[in-house]
């Protein structure tokens, strides 16, 4: 019998994983372990490990895995797993890169709209101050004549760009930075993987224009972060980045908290270098301290790292992660095999 360990999860139960893995002879064990030292005795003899949020798959922990074939991340970003260490041990690493795409895009847009229309300030004005004073909300930037800068232009970034192109269709309204995308992107081209036949025909042929980071900072009224966290982009948005933002943009982060320097963000908000922020994820959180200065900023909207969530994506994530384990246990290769190039498994 195979031993499969779910080291941590947020699903309430792991019935979906069990329904997929038990028929192939796997015993699925469930924990809520967030400490790498405590994880070792739980996984050292496991054939497969699944993790969600806990940073337990460190080099030290992985080095003690005696027969593990695969580690799977419940989610898109595999940054909580030491992929290099796993490769050195001959262990496959997989993720689930193709779930919650619409959910994260829609969440980014929700934060953008809430910031741009100052919905939380408006609600406070009516609910708490019992007044109706639209001029007090000035300035509100017109979305239809704004420039939207998207950092990270993969599947989700392109979904967001498509929607925004129906709001601001003029050339140059959608710009992006992505080191892995070399040219401008025609958003509705028929040979594009992100084609959606339901897209507004009036926006067909809209183009997202590639920019350097410095150009994107300078041009954008709104900056939306869809990028993953890597060892090369830690705190890419720092004090120098905020100084380059000429149009006092709003910052929307549904990517990774590590991409923004919190201290620099607080300074930029307090000084008016940026107009506000919508944050689904913040560096070092959770937890958030009650005295964190970000909580005192009236032009910041927080959500609890929930951009990925809907009932559909909730089930899809569990099933796709378990299927990766099933494939490996039954002699197949994972579909979303992150460290394929680093291994020589035949």
Protein backbone atom coordinates (compact mmCIF):
# COMPACT_ATOMS: atom_id res chain seq x y z
CA UNK A 1 0.00 0.00 0.00
CA UNK A 2 1.21 3.49 -0.82
CA UNK A 3 1.43 6.17 1.85
CA UNK A 4 0.22 9.62 0.80
CA UNK A 5 0.49 12.46 3.32
CA UNK A 6 -1.53 15.67 3.16
CA UNK A 7 0.62 17.78 5.46
CA UNK A 8 -1.73 20.77 5.63
CA UNK A 9 -4.91 21.92 3.90
CA UNK A 10 -7.85 24.32 4.12
CA UNK A 11 -10.52 22.05 2.69
CA UNK A 12 -12.37 20.95 5.82
CA UNK A 13 -11.77 17.33 4.85
CA UNK A 14 -9.78 15.41 2.25
CA UNK A 15 -12.61 13.25 0.93
CA UNK A 16 -11.85 14.26 -2.67
CA UNK A 17 -8.23 13.10 -2.40
CA UNK A 18 -9.25 9.85 -0.76
CA UNK A 19 -11.85 9.12 -3.44
CA UNK A 20 -9.15 9.41 -6.11
CA UNK A 21 -6.21 7.77 -4.34
CA UNK A 22 -7.65 4.95 -2.25
CA UNK A 23 -8.78 2.98 -5.35
CA UNK A 24 -5.13 2.75 -6.49
CA UNK A 25 -4.02 1.35 -3.14
CA UNK A 26 -3.05 4.48 -1.28
CA UNK A 27 -3.58 5.23 2.39
CA UNK A 28 -4.14 8.99 2.66
CA UNK A 29 -3.11 10.54 5.97
CA UNK A 30 -4.25 14.02 6.98
CA UNK A 31 -2.45 16.54 9.19
CA UNK A 32 -2.31 20.27 9.83
CA UNK A 33 1.45 20.52 10.23
CA UNK A 34 3.14 23.88 9.68
CA UNK A 35 6.53 23.14 11.27
CA UNK A 36 9.25 21.49 9.14
CA UNK A 37 10.79 19.67 12.10
CA UNK A 38 7.44 18.23 13.12
CA UNK A 39 6.82 17.21 9.52
CA UNK A 40 9.80 14.86 9.28
CA UNK A 41 8.37 11.83 11.15
CA UNK A 42 5.07 12.27 9.30
CA UNK A 43 6.56 12.15 5.79
CA UNK A 44 9.92 10.38 5.96
CA UNK A 45 8.40 7.11 4.67
CA UNK A 46 5.72 8.67 2.43
CA UNK A 47 5.42 7.85 -1.26
CA UNK A 48 3.84 11.25 -1.96
CA UNK A 49 3.29 14.51 -0.08
CA UNK A 50 0.73 17.26 -0.67
CA UNK A 51 1.10 20.73 0.90
CA UNK A 52 -1.02 23.86 0.84
CA UNK A 53 0.34 26.77 2.88
CA UNK A 54 2.87 25.33 5.31
CA UNK A 55 6.54 25.93 4.49
CA UNK A 56 7.40 22.43 5.61
CA UNK A 57 9.06 21.12 2.46
CA UNK A 58 12.45 22.64 3.24
CA UNK A 59 15.81 21.27 2.16
CA UNK A 60 16.22 19.66 5.58
CA UNK A 61 12.83 17.95 5.47
CA UNK A 62 13.18 16.81 1.86
CA UNK A 63 16.61 15.37 2.63
CA UNK A 64 14.98 12.92 5.04
CA UNK A 65 12.41 11.56 2.58
CA UNK A 66 13.36 7.94 1.97
CA UNK A 67 11.03 6.90 -0.85
CA UNK A 68 8.98 9.91 -1.89
CA UNK A 69 8.22 10.06 -5.60
CA UNK A 70 6.34 13.37 -5.80
CA UNK A 71 5.53 16.52 -3.83
CA UNK A 72 2.42 18.40 -4.98
CA UNK A 73 1.45 21.96 -4.11
CA UNK A 74 -2.26 22.61 -3.64
CA UNK A 75 -2.11 25.79 -5.70
CA UNK A 76 -0.30 27.66 -8.43
CA UNK A 77 2.82 29.07 -6.76
CA UNK A 78 5.30 26.36 -5.67
CA UNK A 79 7.47 28.80 -3.72
CA UNK A 80 6.84 27.05 -0.38
CA UNK A 81 8.66 23.96 -1.69
CA UNK A 82 12.46 23.78 -2.05
CA UNK A 83 12.31 22.59 -5.64
CA UNK A 84 16.11 22.44 -6.01
CA UNK A 85 16.39 20.13 -3.00
CA UNK A 86 13.63 17.90 -4.37
CA UNK A 87 15.41 17.71 -7.74
CA UNK A 88 18.64 16.69 -6.04
CA UNK A 89 16.74 13.89 -4.30
CA UNK A 90 15.14 12.75 -7.55
CA UNK A 91 11.67 13.77 -6.37
CA UNK A 92 9.16 15.20 -8.83
CA UNK A 93 7.41 18.45 -7.89
CA UNK A 94 4.04 19.43 -9.33
CA UNK A 95 1.50 22.19 -8.87
CA UNK A 96 -1.98 23.08 -10.14
CA UNK A 97 -1.43 26.04 -12.49
CA UNK A 98 -4.74 25.90 -14.34
CA UNK A 99 -7.38 26.26 -11.64
CA UNK A 100 -9.04 29.45 -10.29
CA UNK A 101 -7.99 31.45 -13.35
CA UNK A 102 -11.28 33.32 -13.69
CA UNK A 103 -11.65 33.64 -9.91
CA UNK A 104 -8.30 35.42 -9.45
CA UNK A 105 -8.89 37.65 -12.46
CA UNK A 106 -12.36 38.59 -11.24
CA UNK A 107 -11.01 39.27 -7.76
CA UNK A 108 -8.32 41.57 -9.14
CA UNK A 109 -10.97 43.45 -11.08
CA UNK A 110 -13.19 43.66 -7.99
CA UNK A 111 -10.38 45.24 -5.99
CA UNK A 112 -9.57 47.58 -8.87
CA UNK A 113 -13.18 48.74 -9.18
CA UNK A 114 -13.57 49.13 -5.42
CA UNK A 115 -10.42 51.25 -5.24
CA UNK A 116 -11.11 53.31 -8.32
CA UNK A 117 -14.70 54.12 -7.36
CA UNK A 118 -13.74 54.53 -3.68
CA UNK A 119 -16.50 52.17 -2.62
CA UNK A 120 -15.28 51.64 0.92
CA UNK A 121 -14.92 55.37 1.56
CA UNK A 122 -18.35 55.89 0.02
CA UNK A 123 -19.92 53.24 2.22
CA UNK A 124 -18.30 54.76 5.31
CA UNK A 125 -19.57 58.21 4.34
CA UNK A 126 -23.17 57.03 4.05
CA UNK A 127 -23.20 54.39 6.79
CA UNK A 128 -21.16 56.14 9.48
CA UNK A 129 -21.20 59.86 8.68
CA UNK A 130 -24.80 59.78 7.38
CA UNK A 131 -23.95 62.17 4.55
CA UNK A 132 -24.01 62.13 0.76
CA UNK A 133 -21.05 64.21 -0.39
CA UNK A 134 -19.70 63.05 -3.74
CA UNK A 135 -17.16 65.90 -4.09
CA UNK A 136 -15.48 64.68 -0.88
CA UNK A 137 -14.43 61.57 -2.78
CA UNK A 138 -12.36 63.49 -5.33
CA UNK A 139 -10.38 62.61 -7.28
CA UNK A 140 -11.88 59.57 -8.99
CA UNK A 141 -10.02 58.53 -12.12
CA UNK A 142 -12.17 57.70 -15.17
CA UNK A 143 -11.55 54.05 -15.99
CA UNK A 144 -12.30 54.43 -19.69
CA UNK A 145 -9.31 56.74 -20.17
CA UNK A 146 -6.93 54.98 -17.79
CA UNK A 147 -3.79 52.97 -18.48
CA UNK A 148 -3.70 49.56 -16.84
CA UNK A 149 -0.30 48.02 -16.16
CA UNK A 150 -0.22 44.27 -15.54
CA UNK A 151 2.84 42.64 -13.98
CA UNK A 152 2.83 38.96 -14.94
CA UNK A 153 1.15 38.13 -18.24
CA UNK A 154 0.32 34.46 -18.07
CA UNK A 155 -3.13 32.94 -18.17
CA UNK A 156 -4.65 35.08 -15.43
CA UNK A 157 -2.97 38.31 -16.51
CA UNK A 158 -4.38 37.89 -20.00
CA UNK A 159 -7.87 37.22 -18.70
CA UNK A 160 -7.69 40.45 -16.74
CA UNK A 161 -6.34 42.31 -19.77
CA UNK A 162 -9.18 41.09 -21.97
CA UNK A 163 -11.80 42.42 -19.59
CA UNK A 164 -10.03 45.74 -19.16
CA UNK A 165 -9.71 46.15 -22.93
CA UNK A 166 -13.50 46.30 -23.17
CA UNK A 167 -13.45 49.21 -20.70
CA UNK A 168 -10.45 51.09 -22.12
CA UNK A 169 -10.08 49.99 -25.76
CA UNK A 170 -7.70 52.69 -26.97
CA UNK A 171 -4.20 51.61 -28.06
CA UNK A 172 -1.79 51.81 -25.13
CA UNK A 173 -4.51 51.36 -22.52
CA UNK A 174 -3.26 47.87 -21.58
CA UNK A 175 0.46 47.48 -20.95
CA UNK A 176 2.31 44.63 -19.30
CA UNK A 177 5.65 43.47 -17.99
CA UNK A 178 6.65 39.82 -18.15
CA UNK A 179 10.24 38.69 -18.73
CA UNK A 180 8.99 35.51 -20.40
CA UNK A 181 6.76 37.25 -22.97
CA UNK A 182 8.85 38.85 -25.70
CA UNK A 183 6.36 40.85 -27.76
CA UNK A 184 3.02 42.64 -27.68
CA UNK A 185 0.04 40.29 -27.30
CA UNK A 186 -3.11 40.45 -29.40
CA UNK A 187 -5.70 39.54 -26.80
CA UNK A 188 -8.31 37.90 -28.99
CA UNK A 189 -6.21 36.36 -31.74
CA UNK A 190 -7.74 33.06 -32.86
CA UNK A 191 -4.47 31.22 -32.36
CA UNK A 192 -4.21 32.43 -28.78
CA UNK A 193 -4.70 29.90 -25.97
CA UNK A 194 -6.80 32.46 -24.10
CA UNK A 195 -9.36 33.02 -26.88
CA UNK A 196 -12.90 33.37 -25.58
CA UNK A 197 -15.64 33.27 -28.18
CA UNK A 198 -17.87 35.26 -25.83
CA UNK A 199 -15.51 38.22 -25.81
CA UNK A 200 -16.96 41.53 -26.86
CA UNK A 201 -16.63 41.64 -30.63
CA UNK A 202 -15.93 45.36 -30.49
CA UNK A 203 -12.73 44.63 -28.61
CA UNK A 204 -11.52 41.90 -30.98
CA UNK A 205 -7.93 42.54 -31.96
CA UNK A 206 -7.13 44.62 -28.87
CA UNK A 207 -3.42 44.52 -28.13
CA UNK A 208 -1.59 44.52 -24.83
CA UNK A 209 1.71 46.32 -25.26
CA UNK A 210 4.90 45.08 -23.66
CA UNK A 211 6.81 47.52 -21.48
CA UNK A 212 9.85 47.52 -19.25
CA UNK A 213 9.07 47.75 -15.55
CA UNK A 214 10.18 51.36 -15.44
CA UNK A 215 7.94 52.25 -18.39
CA UNK A 216 4.99 50.43 -16.83
CA UNK A 217 5.48 52.26 -13.52
CA UNK A 218 5.59 55.61 -15.25
CA UNK A 219 2.60 55.10 -17.56
CA UNK A 220 0.06 53.27 -15.41
CA UNK A 221 -2.95 54.62 -13.54
CA UNK A 222 -3.52 51.15 -12.10
CA UNK A 223 -0.90 48.45 -11.52
CA UNK A 224 -2.18 44.89 -11.18
CA UNK A 225 0.20 42.22 -9.89
CA UNK A 226 -0.42 38.73 -11.26
CA UNK A 227 3.20 37.55 -11.03
CA UNK A 228 4.42 34.56 -9.02
CA UNK A 229 7.17 34.91 -6.43
CA UNK A 230 10.63 33.75 -7.45
CA UNK A 231 14.08 34.18 -5.95
CA UNK A 232 14.70 36.93 -8.51
CA UNK A 233 11.73 39.24 -7.84
CA UNK A 234 11.67 39.61 -4.04
CA UNK A 235 10.52 43.17 -3.20
CA UNK A 236 10.59 44.15 -6.87
CA UNK A 237 8.23 46.97 -5.93
CA UNK A 238 10.42 48.93 -3.53
CA UNK A 239 11.07 52.60 -2.82
CA UNK A 240 12.70 53.18 -6.20
CA UNK A 241 9.73 51.57 -7.95
CA UNK A 242 7.24 53.80 -6.13
CA UNK A 243 9.32 56.87 -7.02
CA UNK A 244 9.01 55.89 -10.70
CA UNK A 245 5.19 55.88 -10.55
CA UNK A 246 4.38 59.25 -12.10
CA UNK A 247 0.57 59.03 -12.12
CA UNK A 248 -0.13 58.14 -8.47
CA UNK A 249 -1.54 54.74 -9.43
CA UNK A 250 -3.55 52.26 -7.42
CA UNK A 251 -1.72 48.99 -6.67
CA UNK A 252 -3.69 45.74 -6.86
CA UNK A 253 -1.88 42.65 -5.58
CA UNK A 254 -3.37 39.21 -6.16
CA UNK A 255 0.04 37.66 -6.87
CA UNK A 256 2.43 37.23 -3.96
CA UNK A 257 3.07 39.43 -0.95
CA UNK A 258 6.83 39.07 -1.26
CA UNK A 259 6.78 41.20 -4.41
CA UNK A 260 6.06 44.42 -2.47
CA UNK A 261 8.24 45.96 0.24
CA UNK A 262 5.74 46.71 3.03
CA UNK A 263 7.67 49.61 4.51
CA UNK A 264 8.00 51.23 1.10
CA UNK A 265 4.29 50.65 0.49
CA UNK A 266 3.33 52.40 3.72
CA UNK A 267 5.57 55.35 2.85
CA UNK A 268 4.12 55.58 -0.67
CA UNK A 269 0.56 55.54 0.67
CA UNK A 270 1.25 58.09 3.38
CA UNK A 271 3.08 60.48 1.03
CA UNK A 272 0.53 60.27 -1.78
CA UNK A 273 2.98 58.69 -4.22
CA UNK A 274 0.22 56.17 -4.91
CA UNK A 275 -3.54 56.67 -4.58
CA UNK A 276 -4.30 53.46 -2.73
CA UNK A 277 -4.06 49.70 -2.80
CA UNK A 278 -6.18 46.56 -2.97
CA UNK A 279 -4.30 43.72 -1.29
CA UNK A 280 -5.30 40.07 -1.29
CA UNK A 281 -1.86 39.08 -0.04
CA UNK A 282 0.75 40.97 1.97
CA UNK A 283 4.35 40.04 2.71
CA UNK A 284 4.64 38.20 6.02
CA UNK A 285 0.89 37.78 6.49
CA UNK A 286 -0.99 36.00 7.89
CA UNK A 287 -0.98 36.81 10.70
CA UNK A 288 -1.33 40.59 10.64
CA UNK A 289 -0.49 42.57 13.77
CA UNK A 290 -3.14 44.83 15.21
CA UNK A 291 -0.66 47.73 15.16
CA UNK A 292 0.45 47.23 11.56
CA UNK A 293 0.51 50.70 9.94
CA UNK A 294 -1.14 49.36 6.80
CA UNK A 295 -4.34 48.86 8.81
CA UNK A 296 -4.45 52.59 9.49
CA UNK A 297 -4.52 53.51 5.80
CA UNK A 298 -8.07 54.48 4.73
CA UNK A 299 -7.20 54.01 1.06
CA UNK A 300 -6.25 50.33 1.42
CA UNK A 301 -8.66 47.44 0.93
CA UNK A 302 -7.71 44.00 2.27
CA UNK A 303 -9.05 40.57 1.42
CA UNK A 304 -7.84 37.40 3.20
CA UNK A 305 -5.92 35.69 0.38
CA UNK A 306 -9.22 34.49 -1.05
CA UNK A 307 -8.82 35.47 -4.71
CA UNK A 308 -8.51 31.81 -5.67
CA UNK A 309 -11.73 30.73 -4.04
CA UNK A 310 -15.08 29.69 -5.42
CA UNK A 311 -16.97 26.48 -4.79
CA UNK A 312 -15.90 25.32 -8.25
CA UNK A 313 -12.20 26.08 -7.81
CA UNK A 314 -12.28 24.59 -4.31
CA UNK A 315 -13.20 21.16 -5.67
CA UNK A 316 -11.10 21.49 -8.82
CA UNK A 317 -7.92 22.19 -6.85
CA UNK A 318 -8.29 19.11 -4.66
CA UNK A 319 -9.05 16.82 -7.57
CA UNK A 320 -6.24 18.04 -9.83
CA UNK A 321 -3.63 17.80 -7.07
CA UNK A 322 -4.71 14.27 -6.18
CA UNK A 323 -4.68 13.27 -9.85
CA UNK A 324 -1.02 14.26 -10.11
CA UNK A 325 -0.22 11.88 -7.26
CA UNK A 326 -2.35 9.14 -8.83
CA UNK A 327 -0.51 9.47 -12.13
CA UNK A 328 2.87 9.02 -10.49
CA UNK A 329 1.78 6.12 -8.28
CA UNK A 330 0.43 4.31 -11.35
CA UNK A 331 3.57 4.80 -13.42
CA UNK A 332 2.62 7.92 -15.37
CA UNK A 333 4.19 11.37 -15.35
CA UNK A 334 2.58 14.44 -13.76
CA UNK A 335 0.92 16.92 -16.08
CA UNK A 336 2.26 20.00 -14.29
CA UNK A 337 5.76 18.73 -13.59
CA UNK A 338 7.74 21.73 -12.40
CA UNK A 339 11.24 20.26 -12.21
CA UNK A 340 11.04 18.05 -15.32
CA UNK A 341 14.18 19.55 -16.82
CA UNK A 342 16.20 18.95 -13.65
CA UNK A 343 15.41 15.22 -13.47
CA UNK A 344 16.32 12.32 -15.74
CA UNK A 345 13.41 10.06 -14.82
CA UNK A 346 12.50 7.89 -17.78
